[in-house]
Amino acid sequence: MRAVVQRVTSASVTVGDETAGAIGPGLLVLIGVSREDTPADLKYIAEKVMHLRIFDDENGVMNRSVLDTGGALLAVSQFTLYGDARGGRRPSYFRAAPPEEANALYEQLIAFWRAAGIPVETGRFRTEMQVSLVNDGPVTILLDSEKAF
């Protein structure tokens, strides 16, 4: 499982003319699910995102998590995080999980964060979305559960 985590002052996702999800200060999390992902991958990403200390404390040091700040998450499924462009000019998405499997893990991830008390907004799975954000810092962190074990 891969996640691109961006610290934001605000972020939103729209589908057509409708806002599907929007947050104020918190994290925009783009999530890619692979064919090989297991519950251990999900738990790693879930825990890592909610405990990442990338918000400033009273001394201006990145020492607080989204849990500490009371911020929110905007979770957006993005299979293109598993795009592999090494073999040509058009990426292959072979490593991305099939939609049904990916959606199941994506929904479990969201449920995990909500159970931890974090407000979570989402995009819409398998739709064309427009994501807007104000990256704070900018701070962008790449997470890959494959590199954790």
C-alpha atoms as a PDB file:
ATOM      1  CA  MET A   1       0.000   0.000   0.000  1.00  0.00           C
ATOM      2  CA  ARG A   2       1.256   3.443  -0.879  1.00  0.00           C
ATOM      3  CA  ALA A   3       0.245   6.824   0.446  1.00  0.00           C
ATOM      4  CA  VAL A   4       1.186  10.349  -0.497  1.00  0.00           C
ATOM      5  CA  VAL A   5       0.561  12.449   2.608  1.00  0.00           C
ATOM      6  CA  GLN A   6       0.354  16.216   2.304  1.00  0.00           C
ATOM      7  CA  ARG A   7      -0.036  18.596   5.213  1.00  0.00           C
ATOM      8  CA  VAL A   8      -2.731  21.078   4.201  1.00  0.00           C
ATOM      9  CA  THR A   9      -4.481  24.159   5.480  1.00  0.00           C
ATOM     10  CA  SER A  10      -7.443  23.064   3.333  1.00  0.00           C
ATOM     11  CA  ALA A  11      -8.274  20.470   0.693  1.00  0.00           C
ATOM     12  CA  SER A  12     -11.296  19.348  -1.260  1.00  0.00           C
ATOM     13  CA  VAL A  13     -12.317  16.856  -3.901  1.00  0.00           C
ATOM     14  CA  THR A  14     -15.082  17.430  -6.413  1.00  0.00           C
ATOM     15  CA  VAL A  15     -16.895  15.101  -8.766  1.00  0.00           C
ATOM     16  CA  GLY A  16     -18.506  17.048 -11.552  1.00  0.00           C
ATOM     17  CA  ASP A  17     -20.070  20.084  -9.893  1.00  0.00           C
ATOM     18  CA  GLU A  18     -20.448  18.418  -6.488  1.00  0.00           C
ATOM     19  CA  THR A  19     -18.018  18.603  -3.579  1.00  0.00           C
ATOM     20  CA  ALA A  20     -17.491  15.020  -2.422  1.00  0.00           C
ATOM     21  CA  GLY A  21     -15.283  15.906   0.556  1.00  0.00           C
ATOM     22  CA  ALA A  22     -13.556  18.922   2.062  1.00  0.00           C
ATOM     23  CA  ILE A  23     -11.386  19.586   5.113  1.00  0.00           C
ATOM     24  CA  GLY A  24      -9.695  22.473   6.839  1.00  0.00           C
ATOM     25  CA  PRO A  25      -6.293  21.930   8.468  1.00  0.00           C
ATOM     26  CA  GLY A  26      -5.115  18.333   8.348  1.00  0.00           C
ATOM     27  CA  LEU A  27      -3.813  15.821   5.848  1.00  0.00           C
ATOM     28  CA  LEU A  28      -4.673  15.012   2.258  1.00  0.00           C
ATOM     29  CA  VAL A  29      -3.887  11.318   1.799  1.00  0.00           C
ATOM     30  CA  LEU A  30      -3.710   9.828  -1.703  1.00  0.00           C
ATOM     31  CA  ILE A  31      -3.962   6.035  -1.345  1.00  0.00           C
ATOM     32  CA  GLY A  32      -2.843   3.319  -3.728  1.00  0.00           C
ATOM     33  CA  VAL A  33      -3.612  -0.351  -3.083  1.00  0.00           C
ATOM     34  CA  SER A  34      -1.546  -3.148  -4.650  1.00  0.00           C
ATOM     35  CA  ARG A  35      -2.440  -6.721  -5.551  1.00  0.00           C
ATOM     36  CA  GLU A  36      -0.178  -7.985  -2.760  1.00  0.00           C
ATOM     37  CA  ASP A  37      -1.523  -5.868   0.093  1.00  0.00           C
ATOM     38  CA  THR A  38      -2.518  -7.604   3.314  1.00  0.00           C
ATOM     39  CA  PRO A  39      -4.094  -6.446   6.589  1.00  0.00           C
ATOM     40  CA  ALA A  40      -0.534  -5.805   7.837  1.00  0.00           C
ATOM     41  CA  ASP A  41       0.016  -3.288   5.010  1.00  0.00           C
ATOM     42  CA  LEU A  42      -3.247  -1.557   5.850  1.00  0.00           C
ATOM     43  CA  LYS A  43      -2.384  -1.337   9.538  1.00  0.00           C
ATOM     44  CA  TYR A  44       1.089   0.003   8.787  1.00  0.00           C
ATOM     45  CA  ILE A  45      -0.239   2.821   6.578  1.00  0.00           C
ATOM     46  CA  ALA A  46      -3.145   3.625   8.913  1.00  0.00           C
ATOM     47  CA  GLU A  47      -0.934   3.889  11.994  1.00  0.00           C
ATOM     48  CA  LYS A  48       1.865   5.719  10.201  1.00  0.00           C
ATOM     49  CA  VAL A  49      -0.452   8.392   8.767  1.00  0.00           C
ATOM     50  CA  MET A  50      -2.258   9.147  12.016  1.00  0.00           C
ATOM     51  CA  HIS A  51       0.946   9.252  14.081  1.00  0.00           C
ATOM     52  CA  LEU A  52       3.212  11.141  11.645  1.00  0.00           C
ATOM     53  CA  ARG A  53       4.659  14.066  13.568  1.00  0.00           C
ATOM     54  CA  ILE A  54       4.563  16.670  10.795  1.00  0.00           C
ATOM     55  CA  PHE A  55       2.657  19.507  12.479  1.00  0.00           C
ATOM     56  CA  ASP A  56       4.490  22.235  14.359  1.00  0.00           C
ATOM     57  CA  ASP A  57       4.500  22.338  18.141  1.00  0.00           C
ATOM     58  CA  GLU A  58       4.673  25.545  20.192  1.00  0.00           C
ATOM     59  CA  ASN A  59       8.392  25.848  19.335  1.00  0.00           C
ATOM     60  CA  GLY A  60       7.879  25.593  15.590  1.00  0.00           C
ATOM     61  CA  VAL A  61       9.244  22.039  15.461  1.00  0.00           C
ATOM     62  CA  MET A  62       7.374  19.327  13.539  1.00  0.00           C
ATOM     63  CA  ASN A  63       6.496  17.284  16.590  1.00  0.00           C
ATOM     64  CA  ARG A  64       2.704  16.853  16.510  1.00  0.00           C
ATOM     65  CA  SER A  65       0.449  14.404  14.677  1.00  0.00           C
ATOM     66  CA  VAL A  66      -3.003  14.893  13.183  1.00  0.00           C
ATOM     67  CA  LEU A  67      -4.304  13.190  16.335  1.00  0.00           C
ATOM     68  CA  ASP A  68      -2.522  15.792  18.489  1.00  0.00           C
ATOM     69  CA  THR A  69      -3.829  18.748  16.486  1.00  0.00           C
ATOM     70  CA  GLY A  70      -7.411  17.567  16.058  1.00  0.00           C
ATOM     71  CA  GLY A  71      -7.042  17.903  12.287  1.00  0.00           C
ATOM     72  CA  ALA A  72      -8.948  15.979   9.661  1.00  0.00           C
ATOM     73  CA  LEU A  73      -8.066  13.641   6.798  1.00  0.00           C
ATOM     74  CA  LEU A  74      -9.178  13.798   3.188  1.00  0.00           C
ATOM     75  CA  ALA A  75      -8.641  10.275   1.812  1.00  0.00           C
ATOM     76  CA  VAL A  76      -8.576   9.868  -1.965  1.00  0.00           C
ATOM     77  CA  SER A  77      -8.113   6.520  -3.695  1.00  0.00           C
ATOM     78  CA  GLN A  78      -5.529   6.752  -6.479  1.00  0.00           C
ATOM     79  CA  PHE A  79      -4.592   3.566  -8.340  1.00  0.00           C
ATOM     80  CA  THR A  80      -2.041   5.519 -10.408  1.00  0.00           C
ATOM     81  CA  LEU A  81       0.313   5.423  -7.417  1.00  0.00           C
ATOM     82  CA  TYR A  82       1.117   1.935  -8.714  1.00  0.00           C
ATOM     83  CA  GLY A  83       1.825   3.141 -12.246  1.00  0.00           C
ATOM     84  CA  ASP A  84       5.095   1.753 -13.589  1.00  0.00           C
ATOM     85  CA  ALA A  85       6.570   3.779 -16.452  1.00  0.00           C
ATOM     86  CA  ARG A  86       9.957   2.047 -16.621  1.00  0.00           C
ATOM     87  CA  GLY A  87       9.075   0.013 -19.706  1.00  0.00           C
ATOM     88  CA  GLY A  88       7.775   2.747 -21.974  1.00  0.00           C
ATOM     89  CA  ARG A  89       5.871   5.977 -22.122  1.00  0.00           C
ATOM     90  CA  ARG A  90       2.481   4.687 -21.010  1.00  0.00           C
ATOM     91  CA  PRO A  91       2.466   3.439 -17.414  1.00  0.00           C
ATOM     92  CA  SER A  92       1.417  -0.104 -16.613  1.00  0.00           C
ATOM     93  CA  TYR A  93      -0.965  -0.492 -13.689  1.00  0.00           C
ATOM     94  CA  PHE A  94      -0.544  -4.255 -13.330  1.00  0.00           C
ATOM     95  CA  ARG A  95       0.511  -3.987  -9.671  1.00  0.00           C
ATOM     96  CA  ALA A  96      -2.603  -2.022  -8.687  1.00  0.00           C
ATOM     97  CA  ALA A  97      -5.276  -4.104  -6.996  1.00  0.00           C
ATOM     98  CA  PRO A  98      -8.473  -4.878  -8.925  1.00  0.00           C
ATOM     99  CA  PRO A  99     -11.183  -2.314  -8.113  1.00  0.00           C
ATOM    100  CA  GLU A 100     -13.244  -4.545  -5.786  1.00  0.00           C
ATOM    101  CA  GLU A 101     -10.207  -5.500  -3.685  1.00  0.00           C
ATOM    102  CA  ALA A 102      -8.837  -1.954  -3.674  1.00  0.00           C
ATOM    103  CA  ASN A 103     -12.148  -0.462  -2.572  1.00  0.00           C
ATOM    104  CA  ALA A 104     -12.502  -2.975   0.265  1.00  0.00           C
ATOM    105  CA  LEU A 105      -9.076  -2.076   1.693  1.00  0.00           C
ATOM    106  CA  TYR A 106      -9.656   1.646   1.097  1.00  0.00           C
ATOM    107  CA  GLU A 107     -12.931   1.460   3.060  1.00  0.00           C
ATOM    108  CA  GLN A 108     -11.221  -0.492   5.867  1.00  0.00           C
ATOM    109  CA  LEU A 109      -8.515   2.174   6.068  1.00  0.00           C
ATOM    110  CA  ILE A 110     -11.111   4.928   6.390  1.00  0.00           C
ATOM    111  CA  ALA A 111     -12.963   2.940   9.063  1.00  0.00           C
ATOM    112  CA  PHE A 112      -9.692   2.482  10.994  1.00  0.00           C
ATOM    113  CA  TRP A 113      -9.075   6.245  11.089  1.00  0.00           C
ATOM    114  CA  ARG A 114     -12.669   7.048  12.000  1.00  0.00           C
ATOM    115  CA  ALA A 115     -12.555   4.504  14.831  1.00  0.00           C
ATOM    116  CA  ALA A 116      -9.491   6.354  16.137  1.00  0.00           C
ATOM    117  CA  GLY A 117     -11.616   9.518  16.330  1.00  0.00           C
ATOM    118  CA  ILE A 118     -10.196  11.317  13.299  1.00  0.00           C
ATOM    119  CA  PRO A 119     -12.692  13.174  11.097  1.00  0.00           C
ATOM    120  CA  VAL A 120     -12.337  11.692   7.590  1.00  0.00           C
ATOM    121  CA  GLU A 121     -13.731  13.006   4.338  1.00  0.00           C
ATOM    122  CA  THR A 122     -13.327  11.057   1.107  1.00  0.00           C
ATOM    123  CA  GLY A 123     -13.372  11.246  -2.626  1.00  0.00           C
ATOM    124  CA  ARG A 124     -15.510   8.859  -4.674  1.00  0.00           C
ATOM    125  CA  PHE A 125     -13.995   5.562  -5.593  1.00  0.00           C
ATOM    126  CA  ARG A 126     -13.638   4.901  -9.329  1.00  0.00           C
ATOM    127  CA  THR A 127     -14.719   8.326 -10.525  1.00  0.00           C
ATOM    128  CA  GLU A 128     -12.964  11.224 -12.207  1.00  0.00           C
ATOM    129  CA  MET A 129     -12.175  13.662  -9.405  1.00  0.00           C
ATOM    130  CA  GLN A 130     -10.621  17.076  -9.127  1.00  0.00           C
ATOM    131  CA  VAL A 131      -8.499  17.516  -6.017  1.00  0.00           C
ATOM    132  CA  SER A 132      -7.666  20.980  -4.712  1.00  0.00           C
ATOM    133  CA  LEU A 133      -5.336  21.683  -1.851  1.00  0.00           C
ATOM    134  CA  VAL A 134      -3.294  24.302  -0.109  1.00  0.00           C
ATOM    135  CA  ASN A 135      -0.116  22.441   0.837  1.00  0.00           C
ATOM    136  CA  ASP A 136       1.119  23.789   4.158  1.00  0.00           C
ATOM    137  CA  GLY A 137       4.874  24.115   4.339  1.00  0.00           C
ATOM    138  CA  PRO A 138       4.967  22.524   1.797  1.00  0.00           C
ATOM    139  CA  VAL A 139       5.126  19.172   3.563  1.00  0.00           C
ATOM    140  CA  THR A 140       4.718  16.002   1.484  1.00  0.00           C
ATOM    141  CA  ILE A 141       5.629  12.521   2.739  1.00  0.00           C
ATOM    142  CA  LEU A 142       5.692   9.302   0.707  1.00  0.00           C
ATOM    143  CA  LEU A 143       4.808   6.066   2.497  1.00  0.00           C
ATOM    144  CA  ASP A 144       5.124   2.556   1.108  1.00  0.00           C
ATOM    145  CA  SER A 145       4.247  -0.449   3.261  1.00  0.00           C
ATOM    146  CA  GLU A 146       6.392  -2.645   1.014  1.00  0.00           C
ATOM    147  CA  LYS A 147       9.476  -0.841   2.326  1.00  0.00           C
ATOM    148  CA  ALA A 148       8.426  -1.206   5.959  1.00  0.00           C
ATOM    149  CA  PHE A 149       8.765  -4.946   6.409  1.00  0.00           C
END
